[in-house]
Amino acid sequence: METKFDFNGKNLFTPIAFREDFNQFARLSETQAWSMFFTASREDNALGFSKSTGKFWTGLVIATVVEAILGATIFHVS
């Protein structure tokens, strides 16, 4: 078995967001953005390539914020 991974590269432990080849103003998908969030910018495909995964995490955050606002409004005790 032959591996083609270069273990001696200067970018081995550098977060993806700070590498020269990453910041070319390319658009990120939601899944890539969440992968970078969960891995502290170490990996942009940790959650895979499915668009539904990114939409799930975005929807979950939006639902949590809306629920918190509604809960505070409805159950506010004065």
Protein backbone atom coordinates (compact mmCIF):
# COMPACT_ATOMS: atom_id res chain seq x y z
CA MET A 1 0.00 0.00 0.00
CA GLU A 2 1.38 3.38 -0.96
CA THR A 3 0.33 6.61 0.70
CA LYS A 4 0.72 9.93 -1.07
CA PHE A 5 0.22 12.14 1.98
CA ASP A 6 3.09 14.53 2.68
CA PHE A 7 3.75 14.47 6.43
CA ASN A 8 6.51 17.06 6.19
CA GLY A 9 4.43 19.94 4.85
CA LYS A 10 4.52 23.32 6.56
CA ASN A 11 0.70 23.39 6.60
CA LEU A 12 0.30 20.09 8.42
CA PHE A 13 -0.87 21.62 11.71
CA THR A 14 -2.08 24.95 10.34
CA PRO A 15 -5.86 25.48 10.43
CA ILE A 16 -7.46 25.40 6.99
CA ALA A 17 -8.68 28.99 7.25
CA PHE A 18 -5.08 30.26 7.43
CA ARG A 19 -3.63 28.31 4.51
CA GLU A 20 -2.74 30.15 1.32
CA ASP A 21 -4.66 27.77 -0.93
CA PHE A 22 -7.90 28.07 1.07
CA ASN A 23 -8.54 31.80 1.21
CA GLN A 24 -9.24 32.49 -2.45
CA PHE A 25 -12.71 33.94 -1.72
CA ALA A 26 -14.41 30.72 -2.74
CA ARG A 27 -17.91 30.17 -1.42
CA LEU A 28 -18.32 27.67 1.40
CA SER A 29 -21.30 25.40 1.69
CA GLU A 30 -23.21 25.24 4.96
CA THR A 31 -21.78 21.80 5.62
CA GLN A 32 -18.21 23.03 5.15
CA ALA A 33 -18.84 25.97 7.46
CA TRP A 34 -20.25 23.75 10.20
CA SER A 35 -17.39 21.28 9.75
CA MET A 36 -14.89 24.07 10.24
CA PHE A 37 -16.83 25.32 13.28
CA PHE A 38 -16.93 21.91 14.98
CA THR A 39 -13.28 21.10 14.24
CA ALA A 40 -11.90 24.58 15.03
CA SER A 41 -10.97 25.14 11.35
CA ARG A 42 -8.93 21.95 11.17
CA GLU A 43 -11.11 20.14 8.61
CA ASP A 44 -13.65 21.40 6.10
CA ASN A 45 -15.20 18.05 5.18
CA ALA A 46 -15.54 16.36 8.58
CA LEU A 47 -19.33 16.21 8.20
CA GLY A 48 -19.16 14.92 4.64
CA PHE A 49 -20.42 16.56 1.48
CA SER A 50 -24.19 16.30 1.91
CA LYS A 51 -26.07 19.61 1.74
CA SER A 52 -28.73 18.29 4.09
CA THR A 53 -26.24 18.02 6.97
CA GLY A 54 -25.45 21.73 6.82
CA LYS A 55 -29.13 22.62 6.51
CA PHE A 56 -29.89 20.46 9.56
CA TRP A 57 -27.35 22.27 11.79
CA THR A 58 -28.45 25.69 10.54
CA GLY A 59 -32.11 24.82 11.15
CA LEU A 60 -31.27 23.50 14.61
CA VAL A 61 -29.56 26.74 15.60
CA ILE A 62 -32.41 28.87 14.23
CA ALA A 63 -35.02 26.73 15.99
CA THR A 64 -33.11 26.96 19.28
CA VAL A 65 -32.91 30.76 19.07
CA VAL A 66 -36.60 31.10 18.16
CA GLU A 67 -37.59 28.72 20.97
CA ALA A 68 -35.54 30.68 23.50
CA ILE A 69 -37.10 33.97 22.45
CA LEU A 70 -40.64 32.56 22.50
CA GLY A 71 -40.04 30.82 25.83
CA ALA A 72 -38.75 33.99 27.41
CA THR A 73 -41.68 35.98 26.01
CA ILE A 74 -44.44 33.52 26.93
CA PHE A 75 -43.17 32.39 30.30
CA HIS A 76 -41.81 35.71 31.53
CA VAL A 77 -42.77 36.08 35.15
CA SER A 78 -43.14 39.65 36.37
